[in-house]
Amino acid sequence: MKISVNKPCPCGSKMKYKLCCQKYHKGAKAKDALTLMKSRYTAYAVGDAKYIIKTTHLENPEFQEDKQAWQKSIENFCKENSFLGLEIESYEQEKEYAFVAFKAYFAEGALYEKSRFVQNKGFWYYLDGKIK
């Protein structure tokens, strides 16, 4: 689901998408794990499967070598769900690891997760998450 660049960013910042998460989807480096988490949520909301793949750590349980099949799976997930909002519950960052607890709201309900991120060579990646 592509959105207009002038619409509010799905991450909840109240900024226009083009001034918020779109820059990360186009290649800007997320300054911290919280920014990465918000930009990943937005990537799901706008259907940017390539960004999800690019920002997922190799050790993530859902990581797939077959990038085409993985991309199609993510795209299908994005099309099948209506992303209604994001609420950050907590954020903790250490030197190489960070944790973000959040609620993601969908038309079908909500997902509660505590995500773990890892920094590698100056870039943050989604490592895994525990659904609450």
C-alpha atoms as a PDB file:
ATOM      1  CA  MET A   1       0.000   0.000   0.000  1.00  0.00           C
ATOM      2  CA  LYS A   2       1.820   3.072  -1.182  1.00  0.00           C
ATOM      3  CA  ILE A   3       0.961   6.343   0.509  1.00  0.00           C
ATOM      4  CA  SER A   4       1.325   9.909  -0.643  1.00  0.00           C
ATOM      5  CA  VAL A   5       4.598  11.443   0.499  1.00  0.00           C
ATOM      6  CA  ASN A   6       2.554  14.375   1.839  1.00  0.00           C
ATOM      7  CA  LYS A   7       0.400  12.226   4.139  1.00  0.00           C
ATOM      8  CA  PRO A   8       1.285  11.856   7.834  1.00  0.00           C
ATOM      9  CA  CYS A   9       3.961   9.236   8.426  1.00  0.00           C
ATOM     10  CA  PRO A  10       2.528   5.938   9.724  1.00  0.00           C
ATOM     11  CA  CYS A  11       5.116   5.911  12.552  1.00  0.00           C
ATOM     12  CA  GLY A  12       3.020   8.498  14.399  1.00  0.00           C
ATOM     13  CA  SER A  13       5.462  11.405  14.299  1.00  0.00           C
ATOM     14  CA  LYS A  14       2.781  13.727  12.831  1.00  0.00           C
ATOM     15  CA  MET A  15       5.338  14.736  10.188  1.00  0.00           C
ATOM     16  CA  LYS A  16       4.793  14.119   6.492  1.00  0.00           C
ATOM     17  CA  TYR A  17       6.085  10.746   5.315  1.00  0.00           C
ATOM     18  CA  LYS A  18       8.573  12.471   2.964  1.00  0.00           C
ATOM     19  CA  LEU A  19      10.086  14.363   5.916  1.00  0.00           C
ATOM     20  CA  CYS A  20      10.137  11.384   8.248  1.00  0.00           C
ATOM     21  CA  CYS A  21      10.614   7.666   7.479  1.00  0.00           C
ATOM     22  CA  GLN A  22      10.830   7.898   3.701  1.00  0.00           C
ATOM     23  CA  LYS A  23      14.460   9.071   3.939  1.00  0.00           C
ATOM     24  CA  TYR A  24      15.389   5.810   5.688  1.00  0.00           C
ATOM     25  CA  HIS A  25      13.538   3.781   3.079  1.00  0.00           C
ATOM     26  CA  LYS A  26      15.613   5.609   0.466  1.00  0.00           C
ATOM     27  CA  GLY A  27      18.921   4.782   2.170  1.00  0.00           C
ATOM     28  CA  ALA A  28      19.562   7.162   5.090  1.00  0.00           C
ATOM     29  CA  LYS A  29      21.080   5.493   8.144  1.00  0.00           C
ATOM     30  CA  ALA A  30      18.866   5.252  11.232  1.00  0.00           C
ATOM     31  CA  LYS A  31      20.621   7.064  14.094  1.00  0.00           C
ATOM     32  CA  ASP A  32      19.395   4.569  16.694  1.00  0.00           C
ATOM     33  CA  ALA A  33      17.330   1.423  17.144  1.00  0.00           C
ATOM     34  CA  LEU A  34      14.172   3.374  17.994  1.00  0.00           C
ATOM     35  CA  THR A  35      14.354   5.219  14.683  1.00  0.00           C
ATOM     36  CA  LEU A  36      14.954   1.918  12.903  1.00  0.00           C
ATOM     37  CA  MET A  37      11.975   0.323  14.636  1.00  0.00           C
ATOM     38  CA  LYS A  38       9.651   3.174  13.641  1.00  0.00           C
ATOM     39  CA  SER A  39      10.928   3.143  10.062  1.00  0.00           C
ATOM     40  CA  ARG A  40      10.418  -0.632   9.867  1.00  0.00           C
ATOM     41  CA  TYR A  41       6.810  -0.287  11.075  1.00  0.00           C
ATOM     42  CA  THR A  42       6.304   2.380   8.433  1.00  0.00           C
ATOM     43  CA  ALA A  43       7.893   0.130   5.802  1.00  0.00           C
ATOM     44  CA  TYR A  44       5.283  -2.513   6.593  1.00  0.00           C
ATOM     45  CA  ALA A  45       2.534   0.121   6.432  1.00  0.00           C
ATOM     46  CA  VAL A  46       3.657   1.362   2.999  1.00  0.00           C
ATOM     47  CA  GLY A  47       4.597  -2.075   1.646  1.00  0.00           C
ATOM     48  CA  ASP A  48       8.371  -1.559   1.393  1.00  0.00           C
ATOM     49  CA  ALA A  49       9.469  -5.194   1.722  1.00  0.00           C
ATOM     50  CA  LYS A  50      13.000  -4.456   0.497  1.00  0.00           C
ATOM     51  CA  TYR A  51      13.604  -2.187   3.491  1.00  0.00           C
ATOM     52  CA  ILE A  52      12.367  -4.863   5.889  1.00  0.00           C
ATOM     53  CA  ILE A  53      14.781  -7.378   4.351  1.00  0.00           C
ATOM     54  CA  LYS A  54      17.687  -4.902   4.313  1.00  0.00           C
ATOM     55  CA  THR A  55      17.250  -4.079   8.017  1.00  0.00           C
ATOM     56  CA  THR A  56      16.783  -7.643   9.283  1.00  0.00           C
ATOM     57  CA  HIS A  57      19.841  -9.269  10.868  1.00  0.00           C
ATOM     58  CA  LEU A  58      21.162 -12.505   9.342  1.00  0.00           C
ATOM     59  CA  GLU A  59      20.545 -14.322  12.642  1.00  0.00           C
ATOM     60  CA  ASN A  60      16.846 -13.397  12.738  1.00  0.00           C
ATOM     61  CA  PRO A  61      14.719 -16.592  12.801  1.00  0.00           C
ATOM     62  CA  GLU A  62      12.663 -15.332   9.826  1.00  0.00           C
ATOM     63  CA  PHE A  63      15.697 -14.478   7.679  1.00  0.00           C
ATOM     64  CA  GLN A  64      15.490 -16.246   4.317  1.00  0.00           C
ATOM     65  CA  GLU A  65      18.189 -16.841   1.732  1.00  0.00           C
ATOM     66  CA  ASP A  66      15.553 -16.807  -1.021  1.00  0.00           C
ATOM     67  CA  LYS A  67      15.047 -13.031  -1.050  1.00  0.00           C
ATOM     68  CA  GLN A  68      12.387 -13.129  -3.798  1.00  0.00           C
ATOM     69  CA  ALA A  69      10.162 -15.535  -1.860  1.00  0.00           C
ATOM     70  CA  TRP A  70      10.752 -13.587   1.356  1.00  0.00           C
ATOM     71  CA  GLN A  71       9.921 -10.295  -0.347  1.00  0.00           C
ATOM     72  CA  LYS A  72       6.699 -11.748  -1.771  1.00  0.00           C
ATOM     73  CA  SER A  73       5.728 -13.049   1.679  1.00  0.00           C
ATOM     74  CA  ILE A  74       6.260  -9.618   3.244  1.00  0.00           C
ATOM     75  CA  GLU A  75       4.379  -7.888   0.428  1.00  0.00           C
ATOM     76  CA  ASN A  76       1.429 -10.255   0.945  1.00  0.00           C
ATOM     77  CA  PHE A  77       1.458  -9.551   4.686  1.00  0.00           C
ATOM     78  CA  CYS A  78       1.431  -5.806   3.982  1.00  0.00           C
ATOM     79  CA  LYS A  79      -1.494  -6.102   1.563  1.00  0.00           C
ATOM     80  CA  GLU A  80      -3.519  -8.314   3.909  1.00  0.00           C
ATOM     81  CA  ASN A  81      -3.256  -5.999   6.925  1.00  0.00           C
ATOM     82  CA  SER A  82      -4.436  -2.471   7.672  1.00  0.00           C
ATOM     83  CA  PHE A  83      -1.810  -0.674   9.757  1.00  0.00           C
ATOM     84  CA  LEU A  84      -3.581   1.768  12.082  1.00  0.00           C
ATOM     85  CA  GLY A  85      -0.928   3.021  14.449  1.00  0.00           C
ATOM     86  CA  LEU A  86       2.162   2.494  16.546  1.00  0.00           C
ATOM     87  CA  GLU A  87       2.651   3.079  20.263  1.00  0.00           C
ATOM     88  CA  ILE A  88       6.117   2.871  21.824  1.00  0.00           C
ATOM     89  CA  GLU A  89       5.980   1.506  25.380  1.00  0.00           C
ATOM     90  CA  SER A  90       9.682   1.521  26.242  1.00  0.00           C
ATOM     91  CA  TYR A  91      13.120   1.950  24.729  1.00  0.00           C
ATOM     92  CA  GLU A  92      16.440   0.820  26.191  1.00  0.00           C
ATOM     93  CA  GLN A  93      19.754   1.160  24.387  1.00  0.00           C
ATOM     94  CA  GLU A  94      23.156  -0.162  25.288  1.00  0.00           C
ATOM     95  CA  LYS A  95      26.284   0.090  23.172  1.00  0.00           C
ATOM     96  CA  GLU A  96      25.550  -2.702  20.685  1.00  0.00           C
ATOM     97  CA  TYR A  97      22.039  -3.840  21.657  1.00  0.00           C
ATOM     98  CA  ALA A  98      18.714  -2.092  22.100  1.00  0.00           C
ATOM     99  CA  PHE A  99      15.194  -3.104  23.059  1.00  0.00           C
ATOM    100  CA  VAL A 100      11.952  -1.499  21.945  1.00  0.00           C
ATOM    101  CA  ALA A 101       8.620  -2.579  23.409  1.00  0.00           C
ATOM    102  CA  PHE A 102       5.673  -1.485  21.299  1.00  0.00           C
ATOM    103  CA  LYS A 103       2.062  -2.009  20.302  1.00  0.00           C
ATOM    104  CA  ALA A 104       1.220  -2.062  16.608  1.00  0.00           C
ATOM    105  CA  TYR A 105      -2.460  -1.626  15.840  1.00  0.00           C
ATOM    106  CA  PHE A 106      -4.228  -3.286  12.947  1.00  0.00           C
ATOM    107  CA  ALA A 107      -7.865  -3.466  11.846  1.00  0.00           C
ATOM    108  CA  GLU A 108      -7.768  -7.071  13.084  1.00  0.00           C
ATOM    109  CA  GLY A 109      -6.315  -6.257  16.526  1.00  0.00           C
ATOM    110  CA  ALA A 110      -2.953  -5.387  18.030  1.00  0.00           C
ATOM    111  CA  LEU A 111       0.527  -6.891  18.230  1.00  0.00           C
ATOM    112  CA  TYR A 112       2.532  -6.415  21.443  1.00  0.00           C
ATOM    113  CA  GLU A 113       6.230  -7.095  21.027  1.00  0.00           C
ATOM    114  CA  LYS A 114       9.564  -6.414  22.687  1.00  0.00           C
ATOM    115  CA  SER A 115      12.035  -6.229  19.815  1.00  0.00           C
ATOM    116  CA  ARG A 116      15.778  -6.686  20.098  1.00  0.00           C
ATOM    117  CA  PHE A 117      18.125  -4.777  17.814  1.00  0.00           C
ATOM    118  CA  VAL A 118      21.847  -5.119  17.271  1.00  0.00           C
ATOM    119  CA  GLN A 119      24.352  -2.632  15.928  1.00  0.00           C
ATOM    120  CA  ASN A 120      26.926  -3.863  13.422  1.00  0.00           C
ATOM    121  CA  LYS A 121      29.515  -1.568  11.828  1.00  0.00           C
ATOM    122  CA  GLY A 122      27.462   1.514  12.698  1.00  0.00           C
ATOM    123  CA  PHE A 123      24.149   0.179  11.364  1.00  0.00           C
ATOM    124  CA  TRP A 124      21.196  -1.045  13.407  1.00  0.00           C
ATOM    125  CA  TYR A 125      19.378  -4.295  12.514  1.00  0.00           C
ATOM    126  CA  TYR A 126      16.270  -6.030  13.812  1.00  0.00           C
ATOM    127  CA  LEU A 127      17.511  -9.200  15.522  1.00  0.00           C
ATOM    128  CA  ASP A 128      14.346 -10.736  16.960  1.00  0.00           C
ATOM    129  CA  GLY A 129      11.313 -10.078  19.097  1.00  0.00           C
ATOM    130  CA  LYS A 130       9.148 -11.633  21.771  1.00  0.00           C
ATOM    131  CA  ILE A 131       5.421 -11.270  21.368  1.00  0.00           C
ATOM    132  CA  LYS A 132       3.784 -10.363  24.665  1.00  0.00           C
END
